[in-house]
Amino acid sequence: MSEWIVENLGQLAAGVTVFAFVVSFATLAFSAFRYVAGVRQSQENVRFTTYHRLLRVVSTGSDEKGLLKLVSQIAYIHELTNFRKYDPVTYRVLRYLRNEWLEREQQKPALFGEVDRALHRIERRRWIAMRLNQNDYAEVRAQQGHPVDARTSHD
């Protein structure tokens, strides 16, 4: 056995070197995967927080500094469409807000124009999803004391 080891020492050394390289590479790949997963999760948390802050600001018409000017609210509405992951909920919320604002704020046609553009932008890029998942894009019809049932909601 010791003669075989002596005769094949070069091949054994090469095998050990390859094994060490593979283990090092696997460790590096695993560490990189965990790092990227952590960064993605962190970015997703920031996106989530930002999106919900934008929704709150748009729906209330004010932020931490006070009431928004119309131009700021229009810009916020536009920004909501940049969160593609949340398109179904953005679509439903903007339709709900548009109907709500029609009753109170008829003197702001620019606001309605931006909501319509945002809705059109979502419709254009999600037209297949809107046909396949109609409930995801169904109108929000929540009224005080009445639960929302997407199956009975019609556009």
N, C-alpha and C. Protein backbone atom coordinates (compact mmCIF):
# COMPACT_ATOMS: atom_id res chain seq x y z
N MET A 1 0.81 -1.19 0.00
CA MET A 1 0.00 0.00 0.00
C MET A 1 0.86 1.26 0.00
N SER A 2 1.94 1.23 0.80
CA SER A 2 2.80 2.40 0.85
C SER A 2 3.53 2.61 -0.47
N GLU A 3 3.83 1.51 -1.19
CA GLU A 3 4.45 1.66 -2.50
C GLU A 3 3.48 2.33 -3.48
N TRP A 4 2.24 1.94 -3.40
CA TRP A 4 1.23 2.54 -4.30
C TRP A 4 1.11 4.04 -4.03
N ILE A 5 1.13 4.42 -2.76
CA ILE A 5 1.04 5.84 -2.38
C ILE A 5 2.24 6.60 -2.94
N VAL A 6 3.42 6.00 -2.81
CA VAL A 6 4.63 6.66 -3.31
C VAL A 6 4.57 6.79 -4.82
N GLU A 7 4.11 5.75 -5.52
CA GLU A 7 4.05 5.80 -6.98
C GLU A 7 3.00 6.79 -7.48
N ASN A 8 1.93 6.96 -6.74
CA ASN A 8 0.83 7.83 -7.19
C ASN A 8 0.72 9.12 -6.38
N LEU A 9 1.84 9.53 -5.79
CA LEU A 9 1.85 10.73 -4.95
C LEU A 9 1.44 11.97 -5.73
N GLY A 10 1.86 12.10 -6.95
CA GLY A 10 1.50 13.27 -7.78
C GLY A 10 0.01 13.33 -8.04
N GLN A 11 -0.59 12.18 -8.35
CA GLN A 11 -2.03 12.14 -8.61
C GLN A 11 -2.83 12.39 -7.33
N LEU A 12 -2.35 11.86 -6.22
CA LEU A 12 -3.02 12.10 -4.94
C LEU A 12 -2.97 13.59 -4.57
N ALA A 13 -1.81 14.19 -4.78
CA ALA A 13 -1.67 15.62 -4.48
C ALA A 13 -2.60 16.44 -5.37
N ALA A 14 -2.71 16.08 -6.64
CA ALA A 14 -3.61 16.78 -7.56
C ALA A 14 -5.06 16.60 -7.11
N GLY A 15 -5.42 15.38 -6.69
CA GLY A 15 -6.78 15.11 -6.21
C GLY A 15 -7.12 15.91 -4.97
N VAL A 16 -6.16 15.96 -4.02
CA VAL A 16 -6.37 16.74 -2.79
C VAL A 16 -6.50 18.22 -3.12
N THR A 17 -5.70 18.71 -4.06
CA THR A 17 -5.76 20.11 -4.47
C THR A 17 -7.12 20.43 -5.10
N VAL A 18 -7.58 19.55 -5.98
CA VAL A 18 -8.89 19.76 -6.61
C VAL A 18 -9.99 19.73 -5.56
N PHE A 19 -9.92 18.77 -4.64
CA PHE A 19 -10.92 18.68 -3.57
C PHE A 19 -10.93 19.96 -2.73
N ALA A 20 -9.75 20.44 -2.36
CA ALA A 20 -9.66 21.67 -1.56
C ALA A 20 -10.24 22.86 -2.33
N PHE A 21 -9.97 22.91 -3.64
CA PHE A 21 -10.51 23.99 -4.47
C PHE A 21 -12.04 23.92 -4.52
N VAL A 22 -12.58 22.71 -4.71
CA VAL A 22 -14.03 22.54 -4.79
C VAL A 22 -14.69 22.93 -3.46
N VAL A 23 -14.11 22.51 -2.35
CA VAL A 23 -14.67 22.87 -1.03
C VAL A 23 -14.59 24.38 -0.83
N SER A 24 -13.49 25.00 -1.18
CA SER A 24 -13.35 26.46 -1.05
C SER A 24 -14.36 27.19 -1.93
N PHE A 25 -14.50 26.71 -3.16
CA PHE A 25 -15.45 27.34 -4.08
C PHE A 25 -16.89 27.19 -3.57
N ALA A 26 -17.23 26.00 -3.06
CA ALA A 26 -18.57 25.77 -2.53
C ALA A 26 -18.84 26.68 -1.33
N THR A 27 -17.86 26.84 -0.46
CA THR A 27 -18.01 27.72 0.69
C THR A 27 -18.20 29.17 0.24
N LEU A 28 -17.40 29.59 -0.72
CA LEU A 28 -17.53 30.94 -1.26
C LEU A 28 -18.90 31.15 -1.91
N ALA A 29 -19.35 30.18 -2.69
CA ALA A 29 -20.65 30.28 -3.35
C ALA A 29 -21.78 30.35 -2.33
N PHE A 30 -21.72 29.53 -1.30
CA PHE A 30 -22.74 29.55 -0.26
C PHE A 30 -22.75 30.90 0.47
N SER A 31 -21.57 31.41 0.79
CA SER A 31 -21.49 32.72 1.46
C SER A 31 -22.04 33.82 0.57
N ALA A 32 -21.70 33.78 -0.71
CA ALA A 32 -22.21 34.79 -1.65
C ALA A 32 -23.72 34.70 -1.77
N PHE A 33 -24.25 33.48 -1.83
CA PHE A 33 -25.70 33.29 -1.91
C PHE A 33 -26.39 33.87 -0.68
N ARG A 34 -25.86 33.59 0.49
CA ARG A 34 -26.46 34.12 1.72
C ARG A 34 -26.38 35.64 1.76
N TYR A 35 -25.27 36.21 1.32
CA TYR A 35 -25.12 37.67 1.30
C TYR A 35 -26.14 38.30 0.35
N VAL A 36 -26.25 37.75 -0.85
CA VAL A 36 -27.20 38.29 -1.83
C VAL A 36 -28.63 38.13 -1.33
N ALA A 37 -28.95 37.00 -0.71
CA ALA A 37 -30.30 36.80 -0.17
C ALA A 37 -30.59 37.83 0.92
N GLY A 38 -29.61 38.12 1.75
CA GLY A 38 -29.78 39.13 2.80
C GLY A 38 -29.99 40.52 2.23
N VAL A 39 -29.22 40.86 1.22
CA VAL A 39 -29.37 42.17 0.57
C VAL A 39 -30.74 42.27 -0.10
N ARG A 40 -31.17 41.21 -0.77
CA ARG A 40 -32.50 41.22 -1.41
C ARG A 40 -33.60 41.40 -0.39
N GLN A 41 -33.50 40.70 0.73
CA GLN A 41 -34.51 40.82 1.78
C GLN A 41 -34.53 42.24 2.34
N SER A 42 -33.36 42.81 2.53
CA SER A 42 -33.28 44.18 3.02
C SER A 42 -33.91 45.16 2.03
N GLN A 43 -33.61 44.98 0.75
CA GLN A 43 -34.19 45.84 -0.28
C GLN A 43 -35.70 45.67 -0.35
N GLU A 44 -36.17 44.44 -0.21
CA GLU A 44 -37.62 44.19 -0.24
C GLU A 44 -38.30 44.87 0.95
N ASN A 45 -37.67 44.85 2.11
CA ASN A 45 -38.23 45.54 3.26
C ASN A 45 -38.31 47.05 3.04
N VAL A 46 -37.27 47.61 2.42
CA VAL A 46 -37.28 49.05 2.11
C VAL A 46 -38.37 49.36 1.09
N ARG A 47 -38.49 48.53 0.04
CA ARG A 47 -39.55 48.73 -0.97
C ARG A 47 -40.93 48.67 -0.34
N PHE A 48 -41.14 47.68 0.51
CA PHE A 48 -42.42 47.51 1.18
C PHE A 48 -42.77 48.75 2.00
N THR A 49 -41.82 49.21 2.80
CA THR A 49 -42.05 50.39 3.64
C THR A 49 -42.30 51.63 2.78
N THR A 50 -41.52 51.80 1.75
CA THR A 50 -41.68 52.96 0.87
C THR A 50 -43.03 52.93 0.16
N TYR A 51 -43.41 51.78 -0.35
CA TYR A 51 -44.69 51.65 -1.06
C TYR A 51 -45.85 52.02 -0.14
N HIS A 52 -45.84 51.47 1.06
CA HIS A 52 -46.95 51.74 1.97
C HIS A 52 -46.95 53.19 2.46
N ARG A 53 -45.79 53.77 2.57
CA ARG A 53 -45.73 55.20 2.90
C ARG A 53 -46.34 56.02 1.77
N LEU A 54 -45.98 55.69 0.52
CA LEU A 54 -46.56 56.40 -0.63
C LEU A 54 -48.08 56.25 -0.67
N LEU A 55 -48.57 55.06 -0.41
CA LEU A 55 -50.02 54.85 -0.39
C LEU A 55 -50.69 55.73 0.67
N ARG A 56 -50.08 55.78 1.85
CA ARG A 56 -50.64 56.60 2.92
C ARG A 56 -50.64 58.07 2.53
N VAL A 57 -49.54 58.53 1.96
CA VAL A 57 -49.42 59.93 1.58
C VAL A 57 -50.44 60.27 0.49
N VAL A 58 -50.57 59.41 -0.52
CA VAL A 58 -51.51 59.68 -1.61
C VAL A 58 -52.95 59.67 -1.09
N SER A 59 -53.28 58.69 -0.28
CA SER A 59 -54.67 58.57 0.16
C SER A 59 -55.09 59.66 1.12
N THR A 60 -54.17 60.13 1.96
CA THR A 60 -54.53 61.19 2.91
C THR A 60 -54.30 62.58 2.37
N GLY A 61 -53.43 62.69 1.36
CA GLY A 61 -53.12 64.01 0.80
C GLY A 61 -52.17 64.82 1.67
N SER A 62 -51.50 64.14 2.60
CA SER A 62 -50.54 64.84 3.45
C SER A 62 -49.41 63.89 3.82
N ASP A 63 -48.30 64.49 4.19
CA ASP A 63 -47.17 63.71 4.67
C ASP A 63 -46.74 64.28 6.01
N GLU A 64 -45.54 63.92 6.46
CA GLU A 64 -45.08 64.38 7.77
C GLU A 64 -44.88 65.90 7.84
N LYS A 65 -44.81 66.55 6.69
CA LYS A 65 -44.62 68.00 6.65
C LYS A 65 -45.94 68.75 6.51
N GLY A 66 -47.03 68.04 6.33
CA GLY A 66 -48.34 68.69 6.22
C GLY A 66 -49.04 68.34 4.92
N LEU A 67 -50.00 69.17 4.55
CA LEU A 67 -50.77 68.93 3.33
C LEU A 67 -49.88 68.99 2.09
N LEU A 68 -50.19 68.14 1.14
CA LEU A 68 -49.43 68.11 -0.11
C LEU A 68 -50.01 69.10 -1.10
N LYS A 69 -49.16 69.64 -1.90
CA LYS A 69 -49.64 70.40 -3.05
C LYS A 69 -50.08 69.39 -4.10
N LEU A 70 -50.90 69.83 -5.02
CA LEU A 70 -51.43 68.96 -6.06
C LEU A 70 -50.30 68.33 -6.87
N VAL A 71 -49.27 69.10 -7.17
CA VAL A 71 -48.14 68.60 -7.96
C VAL A 71 -47.44 67.45 -7.24
N SER A 72 -47.27 67.57 -5.94
CA SER A 72 -46.62 66.51 -5.18
C SER A 72 -47.48 65.25 -5.17
N GLN A 73 -48.79 65.43 -5.02
CA GLN A 73 -49.67 64.27 -5.00
C GLN A 73 -49.65 63.56 -6.36
N ILE A 74 -49.60 64.33 -7.43
CA ILE A 74 -49.51 63.76 -8.78
C ILE A 74 -48.21 62.97 -8.92
N ALA A 75 -47.12 63.52 -8.43
CA ALA A 75 -45.83 62.82 -8.50
C ALA A 75 -45.86 61.53 -7.70
N TYR A 76 -46.47 61.57 -6.53
CA TYR A 76 -46.58 60.35 -5.72
C TYR A 76 -47.42 59.29 -6.42
N ILE A 77 -48.50 59.69 -7.06
CA ILE A 77 -49.33 58.74 -7.79
C ILE A 77 -48.52 58.09 -8.90
N HIS A 78 -47.74 58.90 -9.61
CA HIS A 78 -46.87 58.34 -10.66
C HIS A 78 -45.88 57.35 -10.07
N GLU A 79 -45.29 57.67 -8.94
CA GLU A 79 -44.30 56.79 -8.31
C GLU A 79 -44.90 55.45 -7.92
N LEU A 80 -46.17 55.43 -7.56
CA LEU A 80 -46.80 54.16 -7.19
C LEU A 80 -46.71 53.14 -8.33
N THR A 81 -46.73 53.60 -9.56
CA THR A 81 -46.69 52.67 -10.70
C THR A 81 -45.31 52.06 -10.90
N ASN A 82 -44.29 52.57 -10.21
CA ASN A 82 -42.95 51.99 -10.32
C ASN A 82 -42.79 50.74 -9.46
N PHE A 83 -43.75 50.45 -8.62
CA PHE A 83 -43.71 49.26 -7.78
C PHE A 83 -44.51 48.17 -8.47
N ARG A 84 -43.92 47.55 -9.47
CA ARG A 84 -44.63 46.57 -10.32
C ARG A 84 -45.14 45.38 -9.53
N LYS A 85 -44.43 44.99 -8.51
CA LYS A 85 -44.85 43.84 -7.72
C LYS A 85 -46.24 44.07 -7.11
N TYR A 86 -46.55 45.32 -6.83
CA TYR A 86 -47.80 45.66 -6.17
C TYR A 86 -48.86 46.17 -7.15
N ASP A 87 -48.71 45.89 -8.44
CA ASP A 87 -49.66 46.39 -9.44
C ASP A 87 -51.12 46.06 -9.12
N PRO A 88 -51.45 44.83 -8.75
CA PRO A 88 -52.87 44.55 -8.48
C PRO A 88 -53.46 45.44 -7.38
N VAL A 89 -52.74 45.58 -6.29
CA VAL A 89 -53.27 46.40 -5.20
C VAL A 89 -53.24 47.88 -5.56
N THR A 90 -52.22 48.32 -6.28
CA THR A 90 -52.17 49.72 -6.72
C THR A 90 -53.37 50.02 -7.60
N TYR A 91 -53.66 49.11 -8.50
CA TYR A 91 -54.79 49.29 -9.42
C TYR A 91 -56.09 49.41 -8.64
N ARG A 92 -56.31 48.50 -7.71
CA ARG A 92 -57.55 48.53 -6.93
C ARG A 92 -57.64 49.80 -6.09
N VAL A 93 -56.55 50.16 -5.44
CA VAL A 93 -56.56 51.33 -4.56
C VAL A 93 -56.77 52.61 -5.36
N LEU A 94 -56.10 52.74 -6.49
CA LEU A 94 -56.27 53.96 -7.29
C LEU A 94 -57.70 54.09 -7.83
N ARG A 95 -58.29 52.97 -8.21
CA ARG A 95 -59.69 53.03 -8.66
C ARG A 95 -60.60 53.43 -7.52
N TYR A 96 -60.35 52.90 -6.34
CA TYR A 96 -61.15 53.25 -5.17
C TYR A 96 -60.97 54.73 -4.83
N LEU A 97 -59.73 55.19 -4.80
CA LEU A 97 -59.48 56.60 -4.48
C LEU A 97 -60.08 57.53 -5.53
N ARG A 98 -60.00 57.13 -6.79
CA ARG A 98 -60.59 57.96 -7.85
C ARG A 98 -62.09 58.13 -7.62
N ASN A 99 -62.77 57.04 -7.31
CA ASN A 99 -64.21 57.13 -7.05
C ASN A 99 -64.50 57.97 -5.81
N GLU A 100 -63.68 57.80 -4.79
CA GLU A 100 -63.85 58.58 -3.56
C GLU A 100 -63.60 60.06 -3.81
N TRP A 101 -62.55 60.37 -4.57
CA TRP A 101 -62.21 61.76 -4.84
C TRP A 101 -63.22 62.43 -5.77
N LEU A 102 -63.84 61.66 -6.64
CA LEU A 102 -64.86 62.24 -7.53
C LEU A 102 -65.97 62.90 -6.73
N GLU A 103 -66.29 62.32 -5.59
CA GLU A 103 -67.35 62.87 -4.75
C GLU A 103 -66.92 64.14 -4.03
N ARG A 104 -65.63 64.25 -3.66
CA ARG A 104 -65.18 65.37 -2.83
C ARG A 104 -64.37 66.42 -3.56
N GLU A 105 -63.56 66.02 -4.51
CA GLU A 105 -62.56 66.93 -5.06
C GLU A 105 -62.68 67.07 -6.57
N GLN A 106 -63.83 67.49 -7.01
CA GLN A 106 -64.07 67.60 -8.44
C GLN A 106 -63.30 68.76 -9.07
N GLN A 107 -62.78 69.65 -8.27
CA GLN A 107 -62.05 70.80 -8.80
C GLN A 107 -60.59 70.48 -9.12
N LYS A 108 -60.20 69.22 -9.08
CA LYS A 108 -58.80 68.84 -9.34
C LYS A 108 -58.72 67.87 -10.52
N PRO A 109 -58.98 68.36 -11.75
CA PRO A 109 -58.94 67.45 -12.90
C PRO A 109 -57.54 66.87 -13.16
N ALA A 110 -56.50 67.59 -12.77
CA ALA A 110 -55.14 67.08 -12.97
C ALA A 110 -54.90 65.82 -12.13
N LEU A 111 -55.49 65.80 -10.96
CA LEU A 111 -55.35 64.63 -10.08
C LEU A 111 -56.01 63.41 -10.73
N PHE A 112 -57.20 63.61 -11.27
CA PHE A 112 -57.90 62.51 -11.93
C PHE A 112 -57.18 62.07 -13.19
N GLY A 113 -56.60 63.04 -13.89
CA GLY A 113 -55.83 62.70 -15.09
C GLY A 113 -54.64 61.83 -14.76
N GLU A 114 -53.95 62.13 -13.67
CA GLU A 114 -52.79 61.31 -13.28
C GLU A 114 -53.22 59.93 -12.82
N VAL A 115 -54.31 59.86 -12.09
CA VAL A 115 -54.83 58.54 -11.68
C VAL A 115 -55.19 57.72 -12.91
N ASP A 116 -55.84 58.36 -13.88
CA ASP A 116 -56.22 57.64 -15.10
C ASP A 116 -54.98 57.17 -15.87
N ARG A 117 -53.94 58.02 -15.93
CA ARG A 117 -52.70 57.62 -16.60
C ARG A 117 -52.04 56.45 -15.87
N ALA A 118 -52.05 56.50 -14.55
CA ALA A 118 -51.45 55.41 -13.77
C ALA A 118 -52.23 54.11 -13.99
N LEU A 119 -53.55 54.20 -13.97
CA LEU A 119 -54.37 53.01 -14.21
C LEU A 119 -54.12 52.46 -15.61
N HIS A 120 -54.03 53.35 -16.59
CA HIS A 120 -53.77 52.92 -17.97
C HIS A 120 -52.40 52.26 -18.09
N ARG A 121 -51.41 52.82 -17.40
CA ARG A 121 -50.05 52.25 -17.42
C ARG A 121 -50.07 50.83 -16.87
N ILE A 122 -50.78 50.63 -15.77
CA ILE A 122 -50.87 49.29 -15.18
C ILE A 122 -51.64 48.36 -16.11
N GLU A 123 -52.74 48.85 -16.67
CA GLU A 123 -53.53 48.02 -17.59
C GLU A 123 -52.70 47.58 -18.79
N ARG A 124 -51.89 48.50 -19.32
CA ARG A 124 -51.09 48.21 -20.50
C ARG A 124 -50.05 47.13 -20.24
N ARG A 125 -49.38 47.19 -19.11
CA ARG A 125 -48.31 46.22 -18.85
C ARG A 125 -48.82 44.95 -18.20
N ARG A 126 -50.04 44.93 -17.70
CA ARG A 126 -50.58 43.76 -17.03
C ARG A 126 -51.85 43.22 -17.70
N TRP A 127 -52.03 43.46 -18.98
CA TRP A 127 -53.30 43.09 -19.61
C TRP A 127 -53.56 41.59 -19.58
N ILE A 128 -52.51 40.76 -19.67
CA ILE A 128 -52.70 39.31 -19.58
C ILE A 128 -53.08 38.92 -18.15
N ALA A 129 -52.36 39.45 -17.19
CA ALA A 129 -52.65 39.12 -15.78
C ALA A 129 -54.05 39.57 -15.41
N MET A 130 -54.51 40.67 -15.96
CA MET A 130 -55.84 41.17 -15.64
C MET A 130 -56.92 40.23 -16.18
N ARG A 131 -56.63 39.55 -17.26
CA ARG A 131 -57.61 38.61 -17.80
C ARG A 131 -57.56 37.26 -17.08
N LEU A 132 -56.37 36.87 -16.64
CA LEU A 132 -56.22 35.58 -15.96
C LEU A 132 -56.61 35.65 -14.48
N ASN A 133 -56.33 36.76 -13.84
CA ASN A 133 -56.58 36.93 -12.41
C ASN A 133 -57.51 38.12 -12.17
N GLN A 134 -58.71 38.02 -12.61
CA GLN A 134 -59.64 39.14 -12.54
C GLN A 134 -59.89 39.60 -11.11
N ASN A 135 -59.90 38.68 -10.17
CA ASN A 135 -60.14 39.06 -8.78
C ASN A 135 -59.03 39.94 -8.22
N ASP A 136 -57.79 39.77 -8.70
CA ASP A 136 -56.69 40.60 -8.23
C ASP A 136 -56.86 42.06 -8.63
N TYR A 137 -57.58 42.29 -9.72
CA TYR A 137 -57.75 43.65 -10.22
C TYR A 137 -59.19 44.14 -10.07
N ALA A 138 -59.99 43.42 -9.30
CA ALA A 138 -61.39 43.79 -9.12
C ALA A 138 -61.49 45.07 -8.31
N GLU A 139 -62.56 45.77 -8.53
CA GLU A 139 -62.77 47.05 -7.86
C GLU A 139 -62.99 46.85 -6.37
N VAL A 140 -62.43 47.76 -5.59
CA VAL A 140 -62.64 47.74 -4.15
C VAL A 140 -63.97 48.43 -3.87
N ARG A 141 -64.87 47.72 -3.22
CA ARG A 141 -66.18 48.30 -2.93
C ARG A 141 -66.47 48.23 -1.44
N ALA A 142 -65.50 48.52 -0.65
CA ALA A 142 -65.69 48.45 0.79
C ALA A 142 -66.53 49.63 1.26
N GLN A 143 -67.55 49.32 1.99
CA GLN A 143 -68.36 50.35 2.62
C GLN A 143 -68.42 49.99 4.09
N GLN A 144 -68.71 50.97 4.88
CA GLN A 144 -68.72 50.74 6.30
C GLN A 144 -69.72 49.64 6.64
N GLY A 145 -69.22 48.58 7.30
CA GLY A 145 -70.08 47.49 7.71
C GLY A 145 -70.31 46.43 6.65
N HIS A 146 -69.74 46.60 5.44
CA HIS A 146 -69.92 45.62 4.37
C HIS A 146 -68.57 45.06 3.97
N PRO A 147 -68.39 43.76 4.09
CA PRO A 147 -67.10 43.17 3.68
C PRO A 147 -66.95 43.20 2.18
N VAL A 148 -65.70 43.20 1.74
CA VAL A 148 -65.39 43.19 0.31
C VAL A 148 -65.35 41.74 -0.15
N ASP A 149 -66.07 41.44 -1.21
CA ASP A 149 -66.05 40.11 -1.79
C ASP A 149 -65.74 40.28 -3.26
N ALA A 150 -64.50 39.93 -3.65
CA ALA A 150 -64.06 40.14 -5.03
C ALA A 150 -64.89 39.32 -6.02
N ARG A 151 -65.50 38.22 -5.57
CA ARG A 151 -66.28 37.39 -6.49
C ARG A 151 -67.55 38.12 -6.95
N THR A 152 -68.05 39.04 -6.12
CA THR A 152 -69.26 39.76 -6.50
C THR A 152 -68.94 41.13 -7.09
N SER A 153 -67.66 41.46 -7.14
CA SER A 153 -67.23 42.75 -7.67
C SER A 153 -67.16 42.69 -9.19
N HIS A 154 -67.75 43.67 -9.82
CA HIS A 154 -67.71 43.75 -11.28
C HIS A 154 -67.10 45.08 -11.68
N ASP A 155 -66.34 45.08 -12.74
CA ASP A 155 -65.69 46.31 -13.19
C ASP A 155 -66.62 47.19 -13.95
